[in-house]
Amino acid sequence: MDTLHQKYEALLSALRGYGSAAVAFSGGVDSALLLHAARQALGERAVAVTARIRSMPERECEEARAFCRERGIEPELIEIDELAVPGFRGNPPDRCYICKRAIFGSICALARARGLRAVVEGSNLDDAGDYRPGMRALRELGVGSPLREAGLSKAEIRALSKEFGLPAWNKPSTACLSSRFVYGETITEEKLRRVERAEQYLHDQGFTQLRVRVHGSLARIELLPEEFPKLFAPSVREQAQQALKSLGFTYVALDLAGFRSGSMNEALALRKPAAPEAR
């Protein structure tokens, strides 16, 4: 725990060094701890900025608003239609780069207009373990990632968040809804809302960490393996199948490998002999 607190002190020191900062805040566990630390280090010179995008579920937007409201923070809200950004709808393997470049380009512009010296975001030490082309956009724009630079892992961020009483400490990992589609499948507003409603249905049934991945008309459900038995109950399974079919899916399947972040990237690994980008 001493080492953990030393890392947190290093985080605070790094944030103080910025002097002022726009904090990209989504309401997830990582950005919640970053915003908490930034306000502790910089006070009102740390400005929360939430990007409202079409790929962000409404429940995530509300949780981000509630977090700020409970702490008396007035967040800056920027609206971005990523579907209108050239190249995004086609869902290429670097889709995340296209989106991050648009989002953080707007946050950087806001920071300049407000006279803020830096823009920071909540990537952590574990985020180096997957294909994340969006990281390139952050480097190009000079966006800081102080949690990662302080050497904080996801587990350590959760431990600190629990200690500080942050409501997001045990929140399941989230990702934008566009990550649910197989690369090359066109992303539309209708498809995003279909996935949002499908995942919300499963959340409402008590499932925790989950994804509904889309392969054309097939919905591939990823759950924690320990939650498989609950879905296998005949009434739950039948109702889930009917609910997702009513949303427009022809087939509904359970992925036996269970939940894992970035599972759509597994197809990229099969196509290429090496990872497409060092992270």
C-alpha atoms as a PDB file:
ATOM      1  CA  MET A   1       0.000   0.000   0.000  1.00  0.00           C
ATOM      2  CA  ASP A   2       2.912   2.353   0.668  1.00  0.00           C
ATOM      3  CA  THR A   3       4.053   1.855  -2.920  1.00  0.00           C
ATOM      4  CA  LEU A   4       0.525   2.541  -4.123  1.00  0.00           C
ATOM      5  CA  HIS A   5       0.380   5.789  -2.171  1.00  0.00           C
ATOM      6  CA  GLN A   6       3.791   6.746  -3.508  1.00  0.00           C
ATOM      7  CA  LYS A   7       2.441   6.305  -7.026  1.00  0.00           C
ATOM      8  CA  TYR A   8      -0.525   8.496  -6.151  1.00  0.00           C
ATOM      9  CA  GLU A   9       1.763  11.186  -4.786  1.00  0.00           C
ATOM     10  CA  ALA A  10       3.758  10.983  -8.016  1.00  0.00           C
ATOM     11  CA  LEU A  11       0.478  11.456  -9.906  1.00  0.00           C
ATOM     12  CA  LEU A  12      -0.383  14.555  -7.863  1.00  0.00           C
ATOM     13  CA  SER A  13       3.107  15.961  -8.388  1.00  0.00           C
ATOM     14  CA  ALA A  14       2.869  15.452 -12.146  1.00  0.00           C
ATOM     15  CA  LEU A  15      -0.540  17.138 -12.260  1.00  0.00           C
ATOM     16  CA  ARG A  16       0.710  20.114 -10.249  1.00  0.00           C
ATOM     17  CA  GLY A  17       3.488  20.440 -12.782  1.00  0.00           C
ATOM     18  CA  TYR A  18       0.959  21.144 -15.525  1.00  0.00           C
ATOM     19  CA  GLY A  19      -0.262  24.262 -13.757  1.00  0.00           C
ATOM     20  CA  SER A  20      -3.715  23.866 -15.308  1.00  0.00           C
ATOM     21  CA  ALA A  21      -5.363  21.181 -17.394  1.00  0.00           C
ATOM     22  CA  ALA A  22      -8.432  20.059 -19.268  1.00  0.00           C
ATOM     23  CA  VAL A  23      -9.282  16.574 -17.970  1.00  0.00           C
ATOM     24  CA  ALA A  24     -11.007  14.280 -20.470  1.00  0.00           C
ATOM     25  CA  PHE A  25     -13.753  12.794 -18.308  1.00  0.00           C
ATOM     26  CA  SER A  26     -15.986   9.925 -19.402  1.00  0.00           C
ATOM     27  CA  GLY A  27     -17.228   8.828 -15.970  1.00  0.00           C
ATOM     28  CA  GLY A  28     -15.291   5.540 -16.012  1.00  0.00           C
ATOM     29  CA  VAL A  29     -13.056   4.394 -13.167  1.00  0.00           C
ATOM     30  CA  ASP A  30      -9.840   5.683 -14.756  1.00  0.00           C
ATOM     31  CA  SER A  31     -11.027   9.163 -15.670  1.00  0.00           C
ATOM     32  CA  ALA A  32     -12.879   9.473 -12.341  1.00  0.00           C
ATOM     33  CA  LEU A  33      -9.674   8.927 -10.366  1.00  0.00           C
ATOM     34  CA  LEU A  34      -7.788  11.256 -12.717  1.00  0.00           C
ATOM     35  CA  LEU A  35     -10.368  14.015 -12.247  1.00  0.00           C
ATOM     36  CA  HIS A  36     -10.349  13.487  -8.469  1.00  0.00           C
ATOM     37  CA  ALA A  37      -6.563  13.777  -8.383  1.00  0.00           C
ATOM     38  CA  ALA A  38      -6.496  16.738 -10.762  1.00  0.00           C
ATOM     39  CA  ARG A  39      -8.969  18.688  -8.612  1.00  0.00           C
ATOM     40  CA  GLN A  40      -6.914  17.827  -5.536  1.00  0.00           C
ATOM     41  CA  ALA A  41      -3.718  18.989  -7.244  1.00  0.00           C
ATOM     42  CA  LEU A  42      -5.013  21.953  -9.239  1.00  0.00           C
ATOM     43  CA  GLY A  43      -8.364  22.929  -7.794  1.00  0.00           C
ATOM     44  CA  GLU A  44     -10.545  24.799 -10.278  1.00  0.00           C
ATOM     45  CA  ARG A  45      -7.600  25.002 -12.672  1.00  0.00           C
ATOM     46  CA  ALA A  46      -8.529  21.398 -13.523  1.00  0.00           C
ATOM     47  CA  VAL A  47     -11.520  21.543 -15.867  1.00  0.00           C
ATOM     48  CA  ALA A  48     -13.569  18.410 -16.560  1.00  0.00           C
ATOM     49  CA  VAL A  49     -14.405  18.009 -20.242  1.00  0.00           C
ATOM     50  CA  THR A  50     -16.883  15.368 -21.375  1.00  0.00           C
ATOM     51  CA  ALA A  51     -17.207  14.584 -25.065  1.00  0.00           C
ATOM     52  CA  ARG A  52     -20.757  13.562 -25.944  1.00  0.00           C
ATOM     53  CA  ILE A  53     -20.488  11.209 -28.907  1.00  0.00           C
ATOM     54  CA  ARG A  54     -23.025   8.944 -30.584  1.00  0.00           C
ATOM     55  CA  SER A  55     -21.017   5.882 -29.532  1.00  0.00           C
ATOM     56  CA  MET A  56     -21.405   6.737 -25.838  1.00  0.00           C
ATOM     57  CA  PRO A  57     -24.371   5.033 -24.108  1.00  0.00           C
ATOM     58  CA  GLU A  58     -26.790   7.417 -22.422  1.00  0.00           C
ATOM     59  CA  ARG A  59     -26.251   5.705 -19.059  1.00  0.00           C
ATOM     60  CA  GLU A  60     -22.549   6.596 -19.249  1.00  0.00           C
ATOM     61  CA  CYS A  61     -23.377  10.242 -19.931  1.00  0.00           C
ATOM     62  CA  GLU A  62     -25.729  10.366 -16.948  1.00  0.00           C
ATOM     63  CA  GLU A  63     -23.191   8.726 -14.626  1.00  0.00           C
ATOM     64  CA  ALA A  64     -20.548  11.253 -15.699  1.00  0.00           C
ATOM     65  CA  ARG A  65     -22.959  14.119 -15.030  1.00  0.00           C
ATOM     66  CA  ALA A  66     -23.901  12.675 -11.627  1.00  0.00           C
ATOM     67  CA  PHE A  67     -20.247  12.307 -10.603  1.00  0.00           C
ATOM     68  CA  CYS A  68     -19.598  15.993 -11.331  1.00  0.00           C
ATOM     69  CA  ARG A  69     -22.888  17.147  -9.825  1.00  0.00           C
ATOM     70  CA  GLU A  70     -22.166  15.405  -6.512  1.00  0.00           C
ATOM     71  CA  ARG A  71     -18.786  17.171  -6.306  1.00  0.00           C
ATOM     72  CA  GLY A  72     -19.917  20.603  -7.339  1.00  0.00           C
ATOM     73  CA  ILE A  73     -17.957  20.424 -10.594  1.00  0.00           C
ATOM     74  CA  GLU A  74     -19.286  22.233 -13.664  1.00  0.00           C
ATOM     75  CA  PRO A  75     -18.083  20.119 -16.603  1.00  0.00           C
ATOM     76  CA  GLU A  76     -17.538  21.406 -20.096  1.00  0.00           C
ATOM     77  CA  LEU A  77     -19.587  19.405 -22.598  1.00  0.00           C
ATOM     78  CA  ILE A  78     -18.582  19.138 -26.224  1.00  0.00           C
ATOM     79  CA  GLU A  79     -20.818  17.489 -28.826  1.00  0.00           C
ATOM     80  CA  ILE A  80     -19.077  15.465 -31.514  1.00  0.00           C
ATOM     81  CA  ASP A  81     -20.764  13.527 -34.305  1.00  0.00           C
ATOM     82  CA  GLU A  82     -18.131  10.934 -35.041  1.00  0.00           C
ATOM     83  CA  LEU A  83     -20.344   9.426 -37.745  1.00  0.00           C
ATOM     84  CA  ALA A  84     -19.753  12.602 -39.750  1.00  0.00           C
ATOM     85  CA  VAL A  85     -15.952  12.373 -39.452  1.00  0.00           C
ATOM     86  CA  PRO A  86     -14.477  11.207 -42.792  1.00  0.00           C
ATOM     87  CA  GLY A  87     -13.485   7.546 -42.675  1.00  0.00           C
ATOM     88  CA  PHE A  88     -15.223   6.662 -39.411  1.00  0.00           C
ATOM     89  CA  ARG A  89     -18.418   5.012 -40.681  1.00  0.00           C
ATOM     90  CA  GLY A  90     -16.454   2.476 -42.720  1.00  0.00           C
ATOM     91  CA  ASN A  91     -15.044   1.089 -39.455  1.00  0.00           C
ATOM     92  CA  PRO A  92     -11.436   0.464 -40.573  1.00  0.00           C
ATOM     93  CA  PRO A  93      -8.911  -1.059 -38.142  1.00  0.00           C
ATOM     94  CA  ASP A  94      -7.714   2.468 -37.250  1.00  0.00           C
ATOM     95  CA  ARG A  95     -11.249   3.683 -36.482  1.00  0.00           C
ATOM     96  CA  CYS A  96     -10.203   4.498 -32.922  1.00  0.00           C
ATOM     97  CA  TYR A  97      -7.451   6.774 -34.231  1.00  0.00           C
ATOM     98  CA  ILE A  98      -9.937   8.648 -36.428  1.00  0.00           C
ATOM     99  CA  CYS A  99     -12.326   9.103 -33.503  1.00  0.00           C
ATOM    100  CA  LYS A 100      -9.706  10.028 -30.889  1.00  0.00           C
ATOM    101  CA  ARG A 101      -8.160  12.541 -33.242  1.00  0.00           C
ATOM    102  CA  ALA A 102     -11.528  14.272 -33.627  1.00  0.00           C
ATOM    103  CA  ILE A 103     -12.408  14.148 -29.924  1.00  0.00           C
ATOM    104  CA  PHE A 104      -9.072  15.258 -28.533  1.00  0.00           C
ATOM    105  CA  GLY A 105      -8.590  17.792 -31.292  1.00  0.00           C
ATOM    106  CA  SER A 106     -11.762  19.463 -29.998  1.00  0.00           C
ATOM    107  CA  ILE A 107     -10.665  19.170 -26.358  1.00  0.00           C
ATOM    108  CA  CYS A 108      -7.288  20.691 -27.200  1.00  0.00           C
ATOM    109  CA  ALA A 109      -9.049  23.586 -28.956  1.00  0.00           C
ATOM    110  CA  LEU A 110     -11.223  24.139 -25.881  1.00  0.00           C
ATOM    111  CA  ALA A 111      -8.151  24.051 -23.629  1.00  0.00           C
ATOM    112  CA  ARG A 112      -6.426  26.699 -25.747  1.00  0.00           C
ATOM    113  CA  ALA A 113      -9.517  28.893 -25.680  1.00  0.00           C
ATOM    114  CA  ARG A 114      -9.721  28.585 -21.891  1.00  0.00           C
ATOM    115  CA  GLY A 115      -6.017  29.243 -21.403  1.00  0.00           C
ATOM    116  CA  LEU A 116      -5.377  25.777 -19.975  1.00  0.00           C
ATOM    117  CA  ARG A 117      -1.811  24.575 -20.339  1.00  0.00           C
ATOM    118  CA  ALA A 118      -2.432  20.848 -20.851  1.00  0.00           C
ATOM    119  CA  VAL A 119      -4.915  18.169 -21.815  1.00  0.00           C
ATOM    120  CA  VAL A 120      -4.820  14.888 -19.886  1.00  0.00           C
ATOM    121  CA  GLU A 121      -6.681  11.584 -20.212  1.00  0.00           C
ATOM    122  CA  GLY A 122      -7.078   8.375 -18.245  1.00  0.00           C
ATOM    123  CA  SER A 123      -5.119   5.600 -19.968  1.00  0.00           C
ATOM    124  CA  ASN A 124      -3.450   3.312 -17.442  1.00  0.00           C
ATOM    125  CA  LEU A 125      -0.475   0.955 -17.388  1.00  0.00           C
ATOM    126  CA  ASP A 126      -2.548  -2.022 -18.568  1.00  0.00           C
ATOM    127  CA  ASP A 127      -3.671  -0.234 -21.721  1.00  0.00           C
ATOM    128  CA  ALA A 128      -0.384  -1.050 -23.412  1.00  0.00           C
ATOM    129  CA  GLY A 129      -1.490  -4.673 -23.719  1.00  0.00           C
ATOM    130  CA  ASP A 130      -3.904  -4.368 -26.658  1.00  0.00           C
ATOM    131  CA  TYR A 131      -4.051  -2.868 -30.137  1.00  0.00           C
ATOM    132  CA  ARG A 132      -4.967   0.761 -29.455  1.00  0.00           C
ATOM    133  CA  PRO A 133      -4.466   2.975 -32.508  1.00  0.00           C
ATOM    134  CA  GLY A 134      -6.108   5.839 -30.616  1.00  0.00           C
ATOM    135  CA  MET A 135      -2.891   6.201 -28.617  1.00  0.00           C
ATOM    136  CA  ARG A 136      -1.228   7.564 -31.752  1.00  0.00           C
ATOM    137  CA  ALA A 137      -3.717  10.432 -31.847  1.00  0.00           C
ATOM    138  CA  LEU A 138      -2.905  11.287 -28.226  1.00  0.00           C
ATOM    139  CA  ARG A 139       0.812  11.371 -28.974  1.00  0.00           C
ATOM    140  CA  GLU A 140       0.317  13.528 -32.058  1.00  0.00           C
ATOM    141  CA  LEU A 141      -1.764  16.054 -30.110  1.00  0.00           C
ATOM    142  CA  GLY A 142       0.520  16.096 -27.068  1.00  0.00           C
ATOM    143  CA  VAL A 143      -2.140  14.769 -24.687  1.00  0.00           C
ATOM    144  CA  GLY A 144      -0.777  13.563 -21.343  1.00  0.00           C
ATOM    145  CA  SER A 145      -1.603  10.218 -19.721  1.00  0.00           C
ATOM    146  CA  PRO A 146      -0.535  10.805 -16.095  1.00  0.00           C
ATOM    147  CA  LEU A 147      -2.056   7.598 -14.687  1.00  0.00           C
ATOM    148  CA  ARG A 148       0.075   5.505 -17.012  1.00  0.00           C
ATOM    149  CA  GLU A 149       3.099   7.709 -16.447  1.00  0.00           C
ATOM    150  CA  ALA A 150       2.711   7.210 -12.681  1.00  0.00           C
ATOM    151  CA  GLY A 151       2.756   3.434 -13.253  1.00  0.00           C
ATOM    152  CA  LEU A 152      -0.817   2.848 -12.064  1.00  0.00           C
ATOM    153  CA  SER A 153      -2.532  -0.346 -13.195  1.00  0.00           C
ATOM    154  CA  LYS A 154      -6.297  -0.847 -13.416  1.00  0.00           C
ATOM    155  CA  ALA A 155      -6.304  -2.850 -10.167  1.00  0.00           C
ATOM    156  CA  GLU A 156      -4.378  -0.098  -8.380  1.00  0.00           C
ATOM    157  CA  ILE A 157      -6.728   2.560  -9.738  1.00  0.00           C
ATOM    158  CA  ARG A 158      -9.684   0.579  -8.404  1.00  0.00           C
ATOM    159  CA  ALA A 159      -7.982   0.201  -5.003  1.00  0.00           C
ATOM    160  CA  LEU A 160      -7.309   3.931  -4.716  1.00  0.00           C
ATOM    161  CA  SER A 161     -10.799   4.792  -5.947  1.00  0.00           C
ATOM    162  CA  LYS A 162     -12.335   2.544  -3.295  1.00  0.00           C
ATOM    163  CA  GLU A 163     -10.155   4.120  -0.599  1.00  0.00           C
ATOM    164  CA  PHE A 164     -11.232   7.607  -1.697  1.00  0.00           C
ATOM    165  CA  GLY A 165     -14.899   6.626  -1.847  1.00  0.00           C
ATOM    166  CA  LEU A 166     -15.291   7.221  -5.566  1.00  0.00           C
ATOM    167  CA  PRO A 167     -18.502   5.598  -6.841  1.00  0.00           C
ATOM    168  CA  ALA A 168     -16.846   4.277  -9.989  1.00  0.00           C
ATOM    169  CA  TRP A 169     -14.306   2.113  -8.115  1.00  0.00           C
ATOM    170  CA  ASN A 170     -16.049  -1.167  -8.996  1.00  0.00           C
ATOM    171  CA  LYS A 171     -17.660  -0.029 -12.237  1.00  0.00           C
ATOM    172  CA  PRO A 172     -17.210  -2.558 -15.059  1.00  0.00           C
ATOM    173  CA  SER A 173     -14.801  -1.595 -17.819  1.00  0.00           C
ATOM    174  CA  THR A 174     -16.496   0.219 -20.656  1.00  0.00           C
ATOM    175  CA  ALA A 175     -15.686   1.027 -24.267  1.00  0.00           C
ATOM    176  CA  CYS A 176     -17.456   2.986 -26.972  1.00  0.00           C
ATOM    177  CA  LEU A 177     -20.290   1.199 -28.746  1.00  0.00           C
ATOM    178  CA  SER A 178     -18.458   1.380 -32.064  1.00  0.00           C
ATOM    179  CA  SER A 179     -16.017  -1.213 -30.740  1.00  0.00           C
ATOM    180  CA  ARG A 180     -18.803  -3.812 -30.947  1.00  0.00           C
ATOM    181  CA  PHE A 181     -18.696  -4.105 -34.736  1.00  0.00           C
ATOM    182  CA  VAL A 182     -16.461  -6.305 -36.833  1.00  0.00           C
ATOM    183  CA  TYR A 183     -13.950  -4.205 -38.764  1.00  0.00           C
ATOM    184  CA  GLY A 184     -15.291  -3.245 -42.178  1.00  0.00           C
ATOM    185  CA  GLU A 185     -18.956  -3.281 -41.154  1.00  0.00           C
ATOM    186  CA  THR A 186     -20.523   0.132 -41.684  1.00  0.00           C
ATOM    187  CA  ILE A 187     -21.481   1.868 -38.439  1.00  0.00           C
ATOM    188  CA  THR A 188     -24.812   3.705 -38.349  1.00  0.00           C
ATOM    189  CA  GLU A 189     -26.883   5.469 -35.709  1.00  0.00           C
ATOM    190  CA  GLU A 190     -29.473   2.671 -35.890  1.00  0.00           C
ATOM    191  CA  LYS A 191     -26.865  -0.032 -35.278  1.00  0.00           C
ATOM    192  CA  LEU A 192     -25.374   1.863 -32.318  1.00  0.00           C
ATOM    193  CA  ARG A 193     -28.752   2.210 -30.646  1.00  0.00           C
ATOM    194  CA  ARG A 194     -29.517  -1.477 -31.286  1.00  0.00           C
ATOM    195  CA  VAL A 195     -26.342  -2.496 -29.461  1.00  0.00           C
ATOM    196  CA  GLU A 196     -27.014  -0.015 -26.661  1.00  0.00           C
ATOM    197  CA  ARG A 197     -30.496  -1.426 -26.101  1.00  0.00           C
ATOM    198  CA  ALA A 198     -29.232  -5.020 -26.229  1.00  0.00           C
ATOM    199  CA  GLU A 199     -26.530  -4.370 -23.632  1.00  0.00           C
ATOM    200  CA  GLN A 200     -28.905  -2.365 -21.449  1.00  0.00           C
ATOM    201  CA  TYR A 201     -31.336  -5.310 -21.489  1.00  0.00           C
ATOM    202  CA  LEU A 202     -28.605  -7.660 -20.241  1.00  0.00           C
ATOM    203  CA  HIS A 203     -27.468  -5.158 -17.599  1.00  0.00           C
ATOM    204  CA  ASP A 204     -31.059  -4.910 -16.405  1.00  0.00           C
ATOM    205  CA  GLN A 205     -31.113  -8.710 -15.963  1.00  0.00           C
ATOM    206  CA  GLY A 206     -28.210  -8.412 -13.525  1.00  0.00           C
ATOM    207  CA  PHE A 207     -25.277  -9.293 -15.777  1.00  0.00           C
ATOM    208  CA  THR A 208     -22.250  -7.157 -14.986  1.00  0.00           C
ATOM    209  CA  GLN A 209     -19.226  -7.109 -17.297  1.00  0.00           C
ATOM    210  CA  LEU A 210     -20.502  -7.768 -20.816  1.00  0.00           C
ATOM    211  CA  ARG A 211     -20.407  -6.896 -24.493  1.00  0.00           C
ATOM    212  CA  VAL A 212     -22.783  -7.564 -27.389  1.00  0.00           C
ATOM    213  CA  ARG A 213     -20.530  -7.888 -30.441  1.00  0.00           C
ATOM    214  CA  VAL A 214     -22.118  -7.567 -33.869  1.00  0.00           C
ATOM    215  CA  HIS A 215     -21.315  -9.732 -36.895  1.00  0.00           C
ATOM    216  CA  GLY A 216     -23.905  -8.715 -39.453  1.00  0.00           C
ATOM    217  CA  SER A 217     -27.215 -10.100 -38.183  1.00  0.00           C
ATOM    218  CA  LEU A 218     -25.540 -12.165 -35.433  1.00  0.00           C
ATOM    219  CA  ALA A 219     -25.222 -10.891 -31.857  1.00  0.00           C
ATOM    220  CA  ARG A 220     -22.273 -12.505 -30.021  1.00  0.00           C
ATOM    221  CA  ILE A 221     -22.695 -12.064 -26.271  1.00  0.00           C
ATOM    222  CA  GLU A 222     -19.603 -11.916 -24.082  1.00  0.00           C
ATOM    223  CA  LEU A 223     -20.176 -12.474 -20.348  1.00  0.00           C
ATOM    224  CA  LEU A 224     -17.968 -13.300 -17.404  1.00  0.00           C
ATOM    225  CA  PRO A 225     -17.725 -17.132 -17.351  1.00  0.00           C
ATOM    226  CA  GLU A 226     -19.027 -17.231 -13.776  1.00  0.00           C
ATOM    227  CA  GLU A 227     -22.246 -15.644 -15.053  1.00  0.00           C
ATOM    228  CA  PHE A 228     -22.836 -18.288 -17.750  1.00  0.00           C
ATOM    229  CA  PRO A 229     -25.062 -20.435 -15.488  1.00  0.00           C
ATOM    230  CA  LYS A 230     -27.458 -17.547 -15.003  1.00  0.00           C
ATOM    231  CA  LEU A 231     -27.921 -17.182 -18.766  1.00  0.00           C
ATOM    232  CA  PHE A 232     -28.322 -20.937 -19.141  1.00  0.00           C
ATOM    233  CA  ALA A 233     -31.449 -20.905 -16.954  1.00  0.00           C
ATOM    234  CA  PRO A 234     -34.189 -21.772 -19.514  1.00  0.00           C
ATOM    235  CA  SER A 235     -36.411 -18.776 -18.859  1.00  0.00           C
ATOM    236  CA  VAL A 236     -33.515 -16.296 -18.860  1.00  0.00           C
ATOM    237  CA  ARG A 237     -31.996 -17.764 -22.021  1.00  0.00           C
ATOM    238  CA  GLU A 238     -35.295 -17.772 -23.892  1.00  0.00           C
ATOM    239  CA  GLN A 239     -36.211 -14.237 -22.838  1.00  0.00           C
ATOM    240  CA  ALA A 240     -32.739 -12.919 -23.743  1.00  0.00           C
ATOM    241  CA  GLN A 241     -32.963 -14.537 -27.152  1.00  0.00           C
ATOM    242  CA  GLN A 242     -36.400 -13.036 -27.789  1.00  0.00           C
ATOM    243  CA  ALA A 243     -35.323  -9.598 -26.536  1.00  0.00           C
ATOM    244  CA  LEU A 244     -32.313  -9.406 -28.846  1.00  0.00           C
ATOM    245  CA  LYS A 245     -34.202 -10.811 -31.817  1.00  0.00           C
ATOM    246  CA  SER A 246     -36.870  -8.168 -31.282  1.00  0.00           C
ATOM    247  CA  LEU A 247     -34.109  -5.582 -31.755  1.00  0.00           C
ATOM    248  CA  GLY A 248     -33.360  -6.949 -35.211  1.00  0.00           C
ATOM    249  CA  PHE A 249     -30.752  -9.668 -34.676  1.00  0.00           C
ATOM    250  CA  THR A 250     -31.415 -12.905 -36.551  1.00  0.00           C
ATOM    251  CA  TYR A 251     -29.069 -15.041 -34.449  1.00  0.00           C
ATOM    252  CA  VAL A 252     -28.016 -14.740 -30.802  1.00  0.00           C
ATOM    253  CA  ALA A 253     -24.925 -16.595 -29.593  1.00  0.00           C
ATOM    254  CA  LEU A 254     -22.857 -16.833 -26.404  1.00  0.00           C
ATOM    255  CA  ASP A 255     -19.076 -16.598 -26.798  1.00  0.00           C
ATOM    256  CA  LEU A 256     -17.656 -19.484 -24.758  1.00  0.00           C
ATOM    257  CA  ALA A 257     -14.368 -17.634 -24.282  1.00  0.00           C
ATOM    258  CA  GLY A 258     -16.225 -15.111 -22.155  1.00  0.00           C
ATOM    259  CA  PHE A 259     -15.743 -11.388 -21.816  1.00  0.00           C
ATOM    260  CA  ARG A 260     -12.440  -9.871 -22.888  1.00  0.00           C
ATOM    261  CA  SER A 261     -11.561  -6.359 -23.939  1.00  0.00           C
ATOM    262  CA  GLY A 262     -10.813  -5.780 -27.591  1.00  0.00           C
ATOM    263  CA  SER A 263     -11.956  -9.172 -28.845  1.00  0.00           C
ATOM    264  CA  MET A 264     -12.615  -7.746 -32.311  1.00  0.00           C
ATOM    265  CA  ASN A 265      -8.846  -7.255 -32.604  1.00  0.00           C
ATOM    266  CA  GLU A 266      -8.341 -11.032 -32.565  1.00  0.00           C
ATOM    267  CA  ALA A 267      -9.214 -11.095 -36.265  1.00  0.00           C
ATOM    268  CA  LEU A 268      -6.407  -8.603 -36.933  1.00  0.00           C
ATOM    269  CA  ALA A 269      -3.904 -10.887 -35.229  1.00  0.00           C
ATOM    270  CA  LEU A 270      -4.928 -13.713 -37.564  1.00  0.00           C
ATOM    271  CA  ARG A 271      -4.400 -11.523 -40.623  1.00  0.00           C
ATOM    272  CA  LYS A 272      -1.007 -10.095 -39.728  1.00  0.00           C
ATOM    273  CA  PRO A 273       2.219 -11.685 -38.490  1.00  0.00           C
ATOM    274  CA  ALA A 274       2.818  -8.887 -35.995  1.00  0.00           C
ATOM    275  CA  ALA A 275       0.816  -6.291 -34.110  1.00  0.00           C
ATOM    276  CA  PRO A 276       0.050  -3.308 -36.361  1.00  0.00           C
ATOM    277  CA  GLU A 277       1.427  -0.766 -33.918  1.00  0.00           C
ATOM    278  CA  ALA A 278       3.754  -0.773 -30.949  1.00  0.00           C
ATOM    279  CA  ARG A 279       2.054   0.711 -27.880  1.00  0.00           C
END
